């Protein structure tokens, strides 16, 4: 599982990882970008979160999967 992301401490490629939860996928809530009308009334969207782990130091970073 490789990625194009690198560890800021070790400068090695981060491995994509999988996060387990008891309630399903981990998501973040963001404003509805690009839609001022929906954002004005408080509509948000859920975005998947993908963890990446450094194989050297164990650092874990989470990135929003905007695709």
Protein backbone atom coordinates (compact mmCIF):
# COMPACT_ATOMS: atom_id res chain seq x y z
CA UNK A 1 0.00 0.00 0.00
CA UNK A 2 1.98 2.98 -1.16
CA UNK A 3 1.11 6.61 -1.61
CA UNK A 4 2.70 9.77 -2.91
CA UNK A 5 2.63 11.30 0.60
CA UNK A 6 5.86 11.44 2.62
CA UNK A 7 6.62 11.51 6.33
CA UNK A 8 7.64 15.05 7.33
CA UNK A 9 10.06 13.64 9.92
CA UNK A 10 11.70 10.69 8.10
CA UNK A 11 11.19 11.74 4.45
CA UNK A 12 10.01 8.23 3.48
CA UNK A 13 6.75 7.36 1.67
CA UNK A 14 3.73 6.90 3.94
CA UNK A 15 1.78 3.64 3.70
CA UNK A 16 -1.98 3.91 3.36
CA UNK A 17 -3.63 2.27 6.35
CA UNK A 18 -7.14 1.27 7.37
CA UNK A 19 -8.85 2.64 10.47
CA UNK A 20 -11.36 0.41 12.23
CA UNK A 21 -14.35 1.85 14.06
CA UNK A 22 -17.37 0.28 15.67
CA UNK A 23 -19.84 2.43 13.75
CA UNK A 24 -18.60 2.30 10.15
CA UNK A 25 -16.34 4.59 8.12
CA UNK A 26 -14.61 7.57 9.71
CA UNK A 27 -15.66 10.84 8.08
CA UNK A 28 -15.19 14.56 8.64
CA UNK A 29 -17.82 17.23 8.17
CA UNK A 30 -16.95 20.24 6.02
CA UNK A 31 -18.79 23.24 4.65
CA UNK A 32 -20.50 22.67 1.30
CA UNK A 33 -17.71 24.17 -0.81
CA UNK A 34 -18.60 25.91 -4.02
CA UNK A 35 -22.27 26.28 -3.11
CA UNK A 36 -22.79 29.58 -1.30
CA UNK A 37 -26.56 29.04 -1.04
CA UNK A 38 -26.21 25.70 0.76
CA UNK A 39 -23.33 26.94 2.93
CA UNK A 40 -25.42 29.97 3.96
CA UNK A 41 -28.10 27.73 5.45
CA UNK A 42 -25.58 25.51 7.22
CA UNK A 43 -25.54 22.53 4.86
CA UNK A 44 -22.38 20.49 5.20
CA UNK A 45 -20.95 17.45 3.46
CA UNK A 46 -19.28 14.33 4.84
CA UNK A 47 -15.83 13.48 3.51
CA UNK A 48 -14.05 10.14 3.92
CA UNK A 49 -10.80 10.20 5.89
CA UNK A 50 -7.84 8.03 4.86
CA UNK A 51 -5.07 7.33 7.39
CA UNK A 52 -1.44 7.05 6.29
CA UNK A 53 1.34 5.61 8.50
CA UNK A 54 5.10 6.08 8.39
CA UNK A 55 6.82 2.67 8.33
CA UNK A 56 9.91 4.16 10.04
CA UNK A 57 8.61 6.18 13.01
CA UNK A 58 4.92 5.15 13.16
CA UNK A 59 3.54 8.66 12.62
CA UNK A 60 -0.10 8.51 11.49
CA UNK A 61 -1.65 11.34 9.48
CA UNK A 62 -5.22 11.59 8.26
CA UNK A 63 -6.06 13.02 4.84
CA UNK A 64 -9.48 13.91 3.44
CA UNK A 65 -10.38 11.81 0.40
CA UNK A 66 -11.97 14.46 -1.82
CA UNK A 67 -12.50 12.13 -4.81
